[in-house]
């Protein structure tokens, strides 16, 4: 191989090494974010369950707009 070809191959090898490092870093970031998403979804489910258990089960749900103010 001539010097020009060797330099080009070496440059490609260096770029590949940097890309491999970047890909590993991106994979770690995606894995960390997925764990955070899973935790947030679990927290939302727990909050929803707490909300549902705090709601009275005596008839249809009413909003504050449907209630007559006490001065009537």
C-alpha atoms as a PDB file:
ATOM      1  CA  UNK A   1       0.000   0.000   0.000  1.00  0.00           C
ATOM      2  CA  UNK A   2       1.196   3.480  -0.725  1.00  0.00           C
ATOM      3  CA  UNK A   3       1.415   6.191   1.934  1.00  0.00           C
ATOM      4  CA  UNK A   4      -1.760   7.970   0.818  1.00  0.00           C
ATOM      5  CA  UNK A   5      -3.821   4.789   1.123  1.00  0.00           C
ATOM      6  CA  UNK A   6      -2.284   3.989   4.508  1.00  0.00           C
ATOM      7  CA  UNK A   7      -3.131   7.494   5.762  1.00  0.00           C
ATOM      8  CA  UNK A   8      -6.702   7.171   4.560  1.00  0.00           C
ATOM      9  CA  UNK A   9      -7.113   3.751   6.188  1.00  0.00           C
ATOM     10  CA  UNK A  10      -5.645   5.081   9.429  1.00  0.00           C
ATOM     11  CA  UNK A  11      -7.991   8.090   9.340  1.00  0.00           C
ATOM     12  CA  UNK A  12     -10.947   5.766   8.800  1.00  0.00           C
ATOM     13  CA  UNK A  13      -9.851   3.570  11.700  1.00  0.00           C
ATOM     14  CA  UNK A  14      -9.620   6.613  13.966  1.00  0.00           C
ATOM     15  CA  UNK A  15     -13.081   7.790  12.900  1.00  0.00           C
ATOM     16  CA  UNK A  16     -14.469   4.308  13.491  1.00  0.00           C
ATOM     17  CA  UNK A  17     -12.981   4.219  16.979  1.00  0.00           C
ATOM     18  CA  UNK A  18     -14.585   7.578  17.826  1.00  0.00           C
ATOM     19  CA  UNK A  19     -17.905   6.429  16.400  1.00  0.00           C
ATOM     20  CA  UNK A  20     -17.745   3.245  18.485  1.00  0.00           C
ATOM     21  CA  UNK A  21     -17.179   5.334  21.633  1.00  0.00           C
ATOM     22  CA  UNK A  22     -20.043   7.647  20.709  1.00  0.00           C
ATOM     23  CA  UNK A  23     -22.354   4.725  20.032  1.00  0.00           C
ATOM     24  CA  UNK A  24     -21.522   3.196  23.418  1.00  0.00           C
ATOM     25  CA  UNK A  25     -22.215   6.539  25.115  1.00  0.00           C
ATOM     26  CA  UNK A  26     -25.524   6.913  23.269  1.00  0.00           C
ATOM     27  CA  UNK A  27     -26.559   3.374  24.183  1.00  0.00           C
ATOM     28  CA  UNK A  28     -25.804   4.088  27.842  1.00  0.00           C
ATOM     29  CA  UNK A  29     -27.854   7.287  27.644  1.00  0.00           C
ATOM     30  CA  UNK A  30     -30.809   5.502  26.058  1.00  0.00           C
ATOM     31  CA  UNK A  31     -30.638   2.738  28.682  1.00  0.00           C
ATOM     32  CA  UNK A  32     -30.549   5.312  31.514  1.00  0.00           C
ATOM     33  CA  UNK A  33     -33.467   7.233  30.023  1.00  0.00           C
ATOM     34  CA  UNK A  34     -35.489   4.034  29.656  1.00  0.00           C
ATOM     35  CA  UNK A  35     -34.953   3.271  33.339  1.00  0.00           C
ATOM     36  CA  UNK A  36     -36.113   6.798  34.187  1.00  0.00           C
ATOM     37  CA  UNK A  37     -39.186   6.393  31.957  1.00  0.00           C
ATOM     38  CA  UNK A  38     -40.013   3.070  33.598  1.00  0.00           C
ATOM     39  CA  UNK A  39     -39.697   4.641  37.055  1.00  0.00           C
ATOM     40  CA  UNK A  40     -41.872   7.603  36.073  1.00  0.00           C
ATOM     41  CA  UNK A  41     -44.534   5.290  34.633  1.00  0.00           C
ATOM     42  CA  UNK A  42     -44.513   3.273  37.844  1.00  0.00           C
ATOM     43  CA  UNK A  43     -44.914   6.464  39.887  1.00  0.00           C
ATOM     44  CA  UNK A  44     -47.801   7.621  37.685  1.00  0.00           C
ATOM     45  CA  UNK A  45     -49.544   4.262  38.126  1.00  0.00           C
ATOM     46  CA  UNK A  46     -49.101   4.510  41.900  1.00  0.00           C
ATOM     47  CA  UNK A  47     -50.435   8.072  41.974  1.00  0.00           C
ATOM     48  CA  UNK A  48     -53.397   7.052  39.826  1.00  0.00           C
ATOM     49  CA  UNK A  49     -54.177   4.166  42.172  1.00  0.00           C
ATOM     50  CA  UNK A  50     -53.962   6.491  45.170  1.00  0.00           C
ATOM     51  CA  UNK A  51     -56.223   8.987  43.428  1.00  0.00           C
ATOM     52  CA  UNK A  52     -58.775   6.318  42.543  1.00  0.00           C
ATOM     53  CA  UNK A  53     -58.792   4.906  46.073  1.00  0.00           C
ATOM     54  CA  UNK A  54     -59.349   8.399  47.521  1.00  0.00           C
ATOM     55  CA  UNK A  55     -62.440   8.949  45.345  1.00  0.00           C
ATOM     56  CA  UNK A  56     -65.788   8.135  46.952  1.00  0.00           C
ATOM     57  CA  UNK A  57     -67.613   5.229  45.356  1.00  0.00           C
ATOM     58  CA  UNK A  58     -71.112   6.469  46.265  1.00  0.00           C
ATOM     59  CA  UNK A  59     -72.720   7.132  42.932  1.00  0.00           C
ATOM     60  CA  UNK A  60     -71.715   8.965  39.808  1.00  0.00           C
ATOM     61  CA  UNK A  61     -68.835  11.360  39.962  1.00  0.00           C
ATOM     62  CA  UNK A  62     -69.838  14.978  40.180  1.00  0.00           C
ATOM     63  CA  UNK A  63     -67.836  18.047  39.511  1.00  0.00           C
ATOM     64  CA  UNK A  64     -67.748  21.157  41.654  1.00  0.00           C
ATOM     65  CA  UNK A  65     -69.755  22.951  38.949  1.00  0.00           C
ATOM     66  CA  UNK A  66     -72.679  20.567  39.528  1.00  0.00           C
ATOM     67  CA  UNK A  67     -72.892  21.334  43.231  1.00  0.00           C
ATOM     68  CA  UNK A  68     -75.239  24.069  44.421  1.00  0.00           C
ATOM     69  CA  UNK A  69     -73.433  26.755  46.403  1.00  0.00           C
ATOM     70  CA  UNK A  70     -74.377  26.848  50.103  1.00  0.00           C
ATOM     71  CA  UNK A  71     -76.032  30.281  49.901  1.00  0.00           C
ATOM     72  CA  UNK A  72     -78.891  28.983  47.710  1.00  0.00           C
END
